[in-house]
Amino acid sequence: MEQEKLLNRIEINPKVLAGKPVIKGTRLSVQYILGLLASGAGFEEILSEYSTINHEDIQACLLFASNSLDTSTFIPLTQKTM
């Protein structure tokens, strides 16, 4: 699926979860879905638990996170030596 179509599945609305990115039409945040994946849940497990979303919604969460990191600037912190 085209990236733009996937990203259209994610919305940021100040009236939903205080503006956190969510899967459109739900209160499932991108952060929550990523947390499920990070804790070992697979796509099928998530989909069986949340019937209002589909495979492409989970892909959209991953793409949104990837793009967010891609556009962020990271500055390494240095440690002081004694």
PDB file of N, CA and C in Angstrom:
ATOM      1  N   MET A   1       0.847  -1.184   0.000  1.00  0.00           N
ATOM      2  CA  MET A   1       0.000   0.000   0.000  1.00  0.00           C
ATOM      3  C   MET A   1       0.887   1.240   0.000  1.00  0.00           C
ATOM      4  N   GLU A   2       0.493   2.232  -0.729  1.00  0.00           N
ATOM      5  CA  GLU A   2       1.238   3.473  -0.839  1.00  0.00           C
ATOM      6  C   GLU A   2       1.382   4.144   0.539  1.00  0.00           C
ATOM      7  N   GLN A   3       2.547   4.711   0.787  1.00  0.00           N
ATOM      8  CA  GLN A   3       2.820   5.310   2.100  1.00  0.00           C
ATOM      9  C   GLN A   3       1.820   6.392   2.477  1.00  0.00           C
ATOM     10  N   GLU A   4       1.469   7.232   1.537  1.00  0.00           N
ATOM     11  CA  GLU A   4       0.535   8.318   1.846  1.00  0.00           C
ATOM     12  C   GLU A   4      -0.824   7.769   2.283  1.00  0.00           C
ATOM     13  N   LYS A   5      -1.280   6.707   1.632  1.00  0.00           N
ATOM     14  CA  LYS A   5      -2.551   6.094   2.017  1.00  0.00           C
ATOM     15  C   LYS A   5      -2.468   5.500   3.417  1.00  0.00           C
ATOM     16  N   LEU A   6      -1.317   4.891   3.724  1.00  0.00           N
ATOM     17  CA  LEU A   6      -1.144   4.355   5.074  1.00  0.00           C
ATOM     18  C   LEU A   6      -1.162   5.474   6.106  1.00  0.00           C
ATOM     19  N   LEU A   7      -0.443   6.544   5.837  1.00  0.00           N
ATOM     20  CA  LEU A   7      -0.369   7.644   6.804  1.00  0.00           C
ATOM     21  C   LEU A   7      -1.719   8.329   6.997  1.00  0.00           C
ATOM     22  N   ASN A   8      -2.588   8.255   6.005  1.00  0.00           N
ATOM     23  CA  ASN A   8      -3.931   8.827   6.146  1.00  0.00           C
ATOM     24  C   ASN A   8      -4.775   8.052   7.158  1.00  0.00           C
ATOM     25  N   ARG A   9      -4.314   6.890   7.568  1.00  0.00           N
ATOM     26  CA  ARG A   9      -5.018   6.100   8.580  1.00  0.00           C
ATOM     27  C   ARG A   9      -4.738   6.619   9.994  1.00  0.00           C
ATOM     28  N   ILE A  10      -3.758   7.499  10.130  1.00  0.00           N
ATOM     29  CA  ILE A  10      -3.384   8.064  11.425  1.00  0.00           C
ATOM     30  C   ILE A  10      -3.878   9.501  11.493  1.00  0.00           C
ATOM     31  N   GLU A  11      -4.478   9.857  12.617  1.00  0.00           N
ATOM     32  CA  GLU A  11      -4.927  11.239  12.776  1.00  0.00           C
ATOM     33  C   GLU A  11      -4.463  11.809  14.108  1.00  0.00           C
ATOM     34  N   ILE A  12      -4.308  13.115  14.100  1.00  0.00           N
ATOM     35  CA  ILE A  12      -3.976  13.848  15.316  1.00  0.00           C
ATOM     36  C   ILE A  12      -5.087  14.863  15.512  1.00  0.00           C
ATOM     37  N   ASN A  13      -5.854  14.660  16.574  1.00  0.00           N
ATOM     38  CA  ASN A  13      -7.009  15.505  16.859  1.00  0.00           C
ATOM     39  C   ASN A  13      -6.937  15.886  18.336  1.00  0.00           C
ATOM     40  N   PRO A  14      -6.861  17.177  18.645  1.00  0.00           N
ATOM     41  CA  PRO A  14      -6.743  17.590  20.043  1.00  0.00           C
ATOM     42  C   PRO A  14      -7.901  17.098  20.911  1.00  0.00           C
ATOM     43  N   LYS A  15      -9.010  16.720  20.300  1.00  0.00           N
ATOM     44  CA  LYS A  15     -10.168  16.251  21.068  1.00  0.00           C
ATOM     45  C   LYS A  15     -10.121  14.741  21.342  1.00  0.00           C
ATOM     46  N   VAL A  16      -9.130  14.055  20.776  1.00  0.00           N
ATOM     47  CA  VAL A  16      -8.996  12.610  20.973  1.00  0.00           C
ATOM     48  C   VAL A  16      -7.649  12.329  21.629  1.00  0.00           C
ATOM     49  N   LEU A  17      -7.675  11.752  22.812  1.00  0.00           N
ATOM     50  CA  LEU A  17      -6.461  11.410  23.569  1.00  0.00           C
ATOM     51  C   LEU A  17      -5.472  12.580  23.656  1.00  0.00           C
ATOM     52  N   ALA A  18      -6.004  13.750  23.867  1.00  0.00           N
ATOM     53  CA  ALA A  18      -5.180  14.953  24.048  1.00  0.00           C
ATOM     54  C   ALA A  18      -4.238  15.208  22.878  1.00  0.00           C
ATOM     55  N   GLY A  19      -4.654  14.801  21.678  1.00  0.00           N
ATOM     56  CA  GLY A  19      -3.869  15.088  20.486  1.00  0.00           C
ATOM     57  C   GLY A  19      -2.808  14.065  20.151  1.00  0.00           C
ATOM     58  N   LYS A  20      -2.765  12.948  20.873  1.00  0.00           N
ATOM     59  CA  LYS A  20      -1.801  11.893  20.511  1.00  0.00           C
ATOM     60  C   LYS A  20      -2.197  11.318  19.157  1.00  0.00           C
ATOM     61  N   PRO A  21      -1.227  10.887  18.364  1.00  0.00           N
ATOM     62  CA  PRO A  21      -1.557  10.232  17.093  1.00  0.00           C
ATOM     63  C   PRO A  21      -2.305   8.919  17.366  1.00  0.00           C
ATOM     64  N   VAL A  22      -3.453   8.755  16.703  1.00  0.00           N
ATOM     65  CA  VAL A  22      -4.277   7.561  16.877  1.00  0.00           C
ATOM     66  C   VAL A  22      -4.657   6.984  15.520  1.00  0.00           C
ATOM     67  N   ILE A  23      -5.074   5.733  15.535  1.00  0.00           N
ATOM     68  CA  ILE A  23      -5.641   5.144  14.330  1.00  0.00           C
ATOM     69  C   ILE A  23      -6.988   5.816  14.112  1.00  0.00           C
ATOM     70  N   LYS A  24      -7.191   6.366  12.935  1.00  0.00           N
ATOM     71  CA  LYS A  24      -8.386   7.141  12.619  1.00  0.00           C
ATOM     72  C   LYS A  24      -9.643   6.375  12.997  1.00  0.00           C
ATOM     73  N   GLY A  25     -10.549   7.072  13.687  1.00  0.00           N
ATOM     74  CA  GLY A  25     -11.821   6.488  14.075  1.00  0.00           C
ATOM     75  C   GLY A  25     -11.767   5.643  15.332  1.00  0.00           C
ATOM     76  N   THR A  26     -10.601   5.623  15.994  1.00  0.00           N
ATOM     77  CA  THR A  26     -10.451   4.846  17.232  1.00  0.00           C
ATOM     78  C   THR A  26      -9.815   5.717  18.299  1.00  0.00           C
ATOM     79  N   ARG A  27      -9.683   5.129  19.476  1.00  0.00           N
ATOM     80  CA  ARG A  27      -8.913   5.757  20.541  1.00  0.00           C
ATOM     81  C   ARG A  27      -7.650   4.932  20.823  1.00  0.00           C
ATOM     82  N   LEU A  28      -7.205   4.212  19.813  1.00  0.00           N
ATOM     83  CA  LEU A  28      -5.979   3.421  19.924  1.00  0.00           C
ATOM     84  C   LEU A  28      -4.811   4.260  19.413  1.00  0.00           C
ATOM     85  N   SER A  29      -3.920   4.598  20.313  1.00  0.00           N
ATOM     86  CA  SER A  29      -2.802   5.453  19.916  1.00  0.00           C
ATOM     87  C   SER A  29      -1.714   4.648  19.215  1.00  0.00           C
ATOM     88  N   VAL A  30      -0.967   5.348  18.400  1.00  0.00           N
ATOM     89  CA  VAL A  30       0.197   4.752  17.741  1.00  0.00           C
ATOM     90  C   VAL A  30       1.140   4.214  18.812  1.00  0.00           C
ATOM     91  N   GLN A  31       1.348   4.980  19.851  1.00  0.00           N
ATOM     92  CA  GLN A  31       2.233   4.579  20.941  1.00  0.00           C
ATOM     93  C   GLN A  31       1.759   3.269  21.573  1.00  0.00           C
ATOM     94  N   TYR A  32       0.461   3.110  21.779  1.00  0.00           N
ATOM     95  CA  TYR A  32      -0.075   1.898  22.393  1.00  0.00           C
ATOM     96  C   TYR A  32       0.170   0.684  21.497  1.00  0.00           C
ATOM     97  N   ILE A  33      -0.104   0.833  20.200  1.00  0.00           N
ATOM     98  CA  ILE A  33       0.104  -0.270  19.257  1.00  0.00           C
ATOM     99  C   ILE A  33       1.584  -0.646  19.197  1.00  0.00           C
ATOM    100  N   LEU A  34       2.463   0.352  19.173  1.00  0.00           N
ATOM    101  CA  LEU A  34       3.903   0.071  19.168  1.00  0.00           C
ATOM    102  C   LEU A  34       4.328  -0.648  20.443  1.00  0.00           C
ATOM    103  N   GLY A  35       3.739  -0.256  21.555  1.00  0.00           N
ATOM    104  CA  GLY A  35       4.041  -0.915  22.823  1.00  0.00           C
ATOM    105  C   GLY A  35       3.623  -2.382  22.808  1.00  0.00           C
ATOM    106  N   LEU A  36       2.456  -2.660  22.220  1.00  0.00           N
ATOM    107  CA  LEU A  36       2.012  -4.051  22.099  1.00  0.00           C
ATOM    108  C   LEU A  36       3.002  -4.860  21.261  1.00  0.00           C
ATOM    109  N   LEU A  37       3.419  -4.283  20.136  1.00  0.00           N
ATOM    110  CA  LEU A  37       4.380  -4.972  19.270  1.00  0.00           C
ATOM    111  C   LEU A  37       5.710  -5.182  19.991  1.00  0.00           C
ATOM    112  N   ALA A  38       6.159  -4.164  20.710  1.00  0.00           N
ATOM    113  CA  ALA A  38       7.436  -4.255  21.422  1.00  0.00           C
ATOM    114  C   ALA A  38       7.396  -5.301  22.531  1.00  0.00           C
ATOM    115  N   SER A  39       6.211  -5.528  23.089  1.00  0.00           N
ATOM    116  CA  SER A  39       6.108  -6.517  24.160  1.00  0.00           C
ATOM    117  C   SER A  39       5.923  -7.933  23.627  1.00  0.00           C
ATOM    118  N   GLY A  40       5.944  -8.065  22.298  1.00  0.00           N
ATOM    119  CA  GLY A  40       5.906  -9.399  21.704  1.00  0.00           C
ATOM    120  C   GLY A  40       4.598  -9.786  21.050  1.00  0.00           C
ATOM    121  N   ALA A  41       3.589  -8.934  21.119  1.00  0.00           N
ATOM    122  CA  ALA A  41       2.319  -9.249  20.466  1.00  0.00           C
ATOM    123  C   ALA A  41       2.511  -9.201  18.954  1.00  0.00           C
ATOM    124  N   GLY A  42       1.923 -10.135  18.261  1.00  0.00           N
ATOM    125  CA  GLY A  42       1.984 -10.153  16.804  1.00  0.00           C
ATOM    126  C   GLY A  42       0.773  -9.451  16.203  1.00  0.00           C
ATOM    127  N   PHE A  43       0.837  -9.217  14.908  1.00  0.00           N
ATOM    128  CA  PHE A  43      -0.265  -8.556  14.215  1.00  0.00           C
ATOM    129  C   PHE A  43      -1.580  -9.295  14.474  1.00  0.00           C
ATOM    130  N   GLU A  44      -1.570 -10.607  14.320  1.00  0.00           N
ATOM    131  CA  GLU A  44      -2.809 -11.383  14.451  1.00  0.00           C
ATOM    132  C   GLU A  44      -3.377 -11.298  15.860  1.00  0.00           C
ATOM    133  N   GLU A  45      -2.513 -11.300  16.855  1.00  0.00           N
ATOM    134  CA  GLU A  45      -2.971 -11.181  18.246  1.00  0.00           C
ATOM    135  C   GLU A  45      -3.640  -9.828  18.478  1.00  0.00           C
ATOM    136  N   ILE A  46      -3.026  -8.773  17.977  1.00  0.00           N
ATOM    137  CA  ILE A  46      -3.593  -7.429  18.125  1.00  0.00           C
ATOM    138  C   ILE A  46      -4.924  -7.340  17.391  1.00  0.00           C
ATOM    139  N   LEU A  47      -4.961  -7.869  16.180  1.00  0.00           N
ATOM    140  CA  LEU A  47      -6.188  -7.805  15.386  1.00  0.00           C
ATOM    141  C   LEU A  47      -7.319  -8.598  16.024  1.00  0.00           C
ATOM    142  N   SER A  48      -7.003  -9.696  16.676  1.00  0.00           N
ATOM    143  CA  SER A  48      -8.061 -10.482  17.324  1.00  0.00           C
ATOM    144  C   SER A  48      -8.590  -9.773  18.568  1.00  0.00           C
ATOM    145  N   GLU A  49      -7.750  -8.975  19.199  1.00  0.00           N
ATOM    146  CA  GLU A  49      -8.160  -8.240  20.398  1.00  0.00           C
ATOM    147  C   GLU A  49      -8.927  -6.954  20.050  1.00  0.00           C
ATOM    148  N   TYR A  50      -8.574  -6.334  18.944  1.00  0.00           N
ATOM    149  CA  TYR A  50      -9.175  -5.053  18.549  1.00  0.00           C
ATOM    150  C   TYR A  50      -9.784  -5.204  17.153  1.00  0.00           C
ATOM    151  N   SER A  51     -11.035  -5.575  17.118  1.00  0.00           N
ATOM    152  CA  SER A  51     -11.703  -5.900  15.849  1.00  0.00           C
ATOM    153  C   SER A  51     -11.978  -4.678  14.970  1.00  0.00           C
ATOM    154  N   THR A  52     -11.798  -3.487  15.514  1.00  0.00           N
ATOM    155  CA  THR A  52     -12.082  -2.279  14.726  1.00  0.00           C
ATOM    156  C   THR A  52     -10.907  -1.851  13.855  1.00  0.00           C
ATOM    157  N   ILE A  53      -9.762  -2.533  13.996  1.00  0.00           N
ATOM    158  CA  ILE A  53      -8.606  -2.165  13.171  1.00  0.00           C
ATOM    159  C   ILE A  53      -8.231  -3.333  12.266  1.00  0.00           C
ATOM    160  N   ASN A  54      -7.360  -3.044  11.290  1.00  0.00           N
ATOM    161  CA  ASN A  54      -6.910  -4.094  10.384  1.00  0.00           C
ATOM    162  C   ASN A  54      -5.387  -4.037  10.221  1.00  0.00           C
ATOM    163  N   HIS A  55      -4.882  -4.946   9.429  1.00  0.00           N
ATOM    164  CA  HIS A  55      -3.439  -5.091   9.212  1.00  0.00           C
ATOM    165  C   HIS A  55      -2.803  -3.768   8.771  1.00  0.00           C
ATOM    166  N   GLU A  56      -3.465  -3.071   7.861  1.00  0.00           N
ATOM    167  CA  GLU A  56      -2.919  -1.815   7.341  1.00  0.00           C
ATOM    168  C   GLU A  56      -2.839  -0.739   8.420  1.00  0.00           C
ATOM    169  N   ASP A  57      -3.738  -0.777   9.397  1.00  0.00           N
ATOM    170  CA  ASP A  57      -3.678   0.192  10.497  1.00  0.00           C
ATOM    171  C   ASP A  57      -2.401  -0.004  11.317  1.00  0.00           C
ATOM    172  N   ILE A  58      -2.039  -1.260  11.551  1.00  0.00           N
ATOM    173  CA  ILE A  58      -0.807  -1.530  12.301  1.00  0.00           C
ATOM    174  C   ILE A  58       0.408  -1.113  11.475  1.00  0.00           C
ATOM    175  N   GLN A  59       0.377  -1.397  10.176  1.00  0.00           N
ATOM    176  CA  GLN A  59       1.468  -0.942   9.299  1.00  0.00           C
ATOM    177  C   GLN A  59       1.568   0.579   9.338  1.00  0.00           C
ATOM    178  N   ALA A  60       0.427   1.251   9.372  1.00  0.00           N
ATOM    179  CA  ALA A  60       0.410   2.715   9.411  1.00  0.00           C
ATOM    180  C   ALA A  60       1.077   3.222  10.682  1.00  0.00           C
ATOM    181  N   CYS A  61       0.849   2.547  11.801  1.00  0.00           N
ATOM    182  CA  CYS A  61       1.494   2.935  13.059  1.00  0.00           C
ATOM    183  C   CYS A  61       3.009   2.821  12.948  1.00  0.00           C
ATOM    184  N   LEU A  62       3.471   1.735  12.355  1.00  0.00           N
ATOM    185  CA  LEU A  62       4.914   1.547  12.179  1.00  0.00           C
ATOM    186  C   LEU A  62       5.507   2.601  11.252  1.00  0.00           C
ATOM    187  N   LEU A  63       4.820   2.883  10.164  1.00  0.00           N
ATOM    188  CA  LEU A  63       5.303   3.894   9.222  1.00  0.00           C
ATOM    189  C   LEU A  63       5.320   5.275   9.865  1.00  0.00           C
ATOM    190  N   PHE A  64       4.256   5.604  10.610  1.00  0.00           N
ATOM    191  CA  PHE A  64       4.198   6.897  11.287  1.00  0.00           C
ATOM    192  C   PHE A  64       5.374   7.042  12.252  1.00  0.00           C
ATOM    193  N   ALA A  65       5.645   6.002  13.025  1.00  0.00           N
ATOM    194  CA  ALA A  65       6.762   6.044  13.974  1.00  0.00           C
ATOM    195  C   ALA A  65       8.098   6.186  13.248  1.00  0.00           C
ATOM    196  N   SER A  66       8.253   5.445  12.173  1.00  0.00           N
ATOM    197  CA  SER A  66       9.490   5.516  11.392  1.00  0.00           C
ATOM    198  C   SER A  66       9.694   6.920  10.840  1.00  0.00           C
ATOM    199  N   ASN A  67       8.644   7.493  10.281  1.00  0.00           N
ATOM    200  CA  ASN A  67       8.749   8.851   9.734  1.00  0.00           C
ATOM    201  C   ASN A  67       9.012   9.876  10.827  1.00  0.00           C
ATOM    202  N   SER A  68       8.422   9.675  11.991  1.00  0.00           N
ATOM    203  CA  SER A  68       8.639  10.599  13.110  1.00  0.00           C
ATOM    204  C   SER A  68      10.103  10.582  13.541  1.00  0.00           C
ATOM    205  N   LEU A  69      10.684   9.403  13.601  1.00  0.00           N
ATOM    206  CA  LEU A  69      12.103   9.306  13.969  1.00  0.00           C
ATOM    207  C   LEU A  69      12.998   9.866  12.878  1.00  0.00           C
ATOM    208  N   ASP A  70      12.587   9.683  11.644  1.00  0.00           N
ATOM    209  CA  ASP A  70      13.376  10.162  10.516  1.00  0.00           C
ATOM    210  C   ASP A  70      13.465  11.680  10.494  1.00  0.00           C
ATOM    211  N   THR A  71      12.439  12.353  10.994  1.00  0.00           N
ATOM    212  CA  THR A  71      12.425  13.815  10.953  1.00  0.00           C
ATOM    213  C   THR A  71      12.866  14.436  12.280  1.00  0.00           C
ATOM    214  N   SER A  72      13.339  13.613  13.205  1.00  0.00           N
ATOM    215  CA  SER A  72      13.806  14.114  14.493  1.00  0.00           C
ATOM    216  C   SER A  72      15.315  14.282  14.470  1.00  0.00           C
ATOM    217  N   THR A  73      15.787  15.218  15.257  1.00  0.00           N
ATOM    218  CA  THR A  73      17.218  15.429  15.396  1.00  0.00           C
ATOM    219  C   THR A  73      17.654  14.881  16.747  1.00  0.00           C
ATOM    220  N   PHE A  74      18.677  14.060  16.731  1.00  0.00           N
ATOM    221  CA  PHE A  74      19.193  13.491  17.963  1.00  0.00           C
ATOM    222  C   PHE A  74      20.572  14.063  18.233  1.00  0.00           C
ATOM    223  N   ILE A  75      20.764  14.493  19.451  1.00  0.00           N
ATOM    224  CA  ILE A  75      22.052  15.046  19.855  1.00  0.00           C
ATOM    225  C   ILE A  75      22.606  14.141  20.946  1.00  0.00           C
ATOM    226  N   PRO A  76      23.726  13.488  20.679  1.00  0.00           N
ATOM    227  CA  PRO A  76      24.274  12.576  21.691  1.00  0.00           C
ATOM    228  C   PRO A  76      24.750  13.356  22.910  1.00  0.00           C
ATOM    229  N   LEU A  77      24.504  12.776  24.066  1.00  0.00           N
ATOM    230  CA  LEU A  77      24.981  13.361  25.314  1.00  0.00           C
ATOM    231  C   LEU A  77      26.369  12.784  25.591  1.00  0.00           C
ATOM    232  N   THR A  78      27.252  13.616  26.047  1.00  0.00           N
ATOM    233  CA  THR A  78      28.604  13.137  26.344  1.00  0.00           C
ATOM    234  C   THR A  78      28.719  12.938  27.851  1.00  0.00           C
ATOM    235  N   GLN A  79      29.522  11.977  28.232  1.00  0.00           N
ATOM    236  CA  GLN A  79      29.756  11.726  29.649  1.00  0.00           C
ATOM    237  C   GLN A  79      31.028  12.431  30.068  1.00  0.00           C
ATOM    238  N   LYS A  80      30.985  12.995  31.251  1.00  0.00           N
ATOM    239  CA  LYS A  80      32.186  13.630  31.796  1.00  0.00           C
ATOM    240  C   LYS A  80      33.073  12.548  32.392  1.00  0.00           C
ATOM    241  N   THR A  81      34.347  12.667  32.150  1.00  0.00           N
ATOM    242  CA  THR A  81      35.293  11.728  32.767  1.00  0.00           C
ATOM    243  C   THR A  81      35.873  12.350  34.014  1.00  0.00           C
ATOM    244  N   MET A  82      36.163  11.505  34.958  1.00  0.00           N
ATOM    245  CA  MET A  82      36.700  12.027  36.233  1.00  0.00           C
ATOM    246  C   MET A  82      38.186  11.991  36.234  1.00  0.00           C
TER     247      MET A  82
END
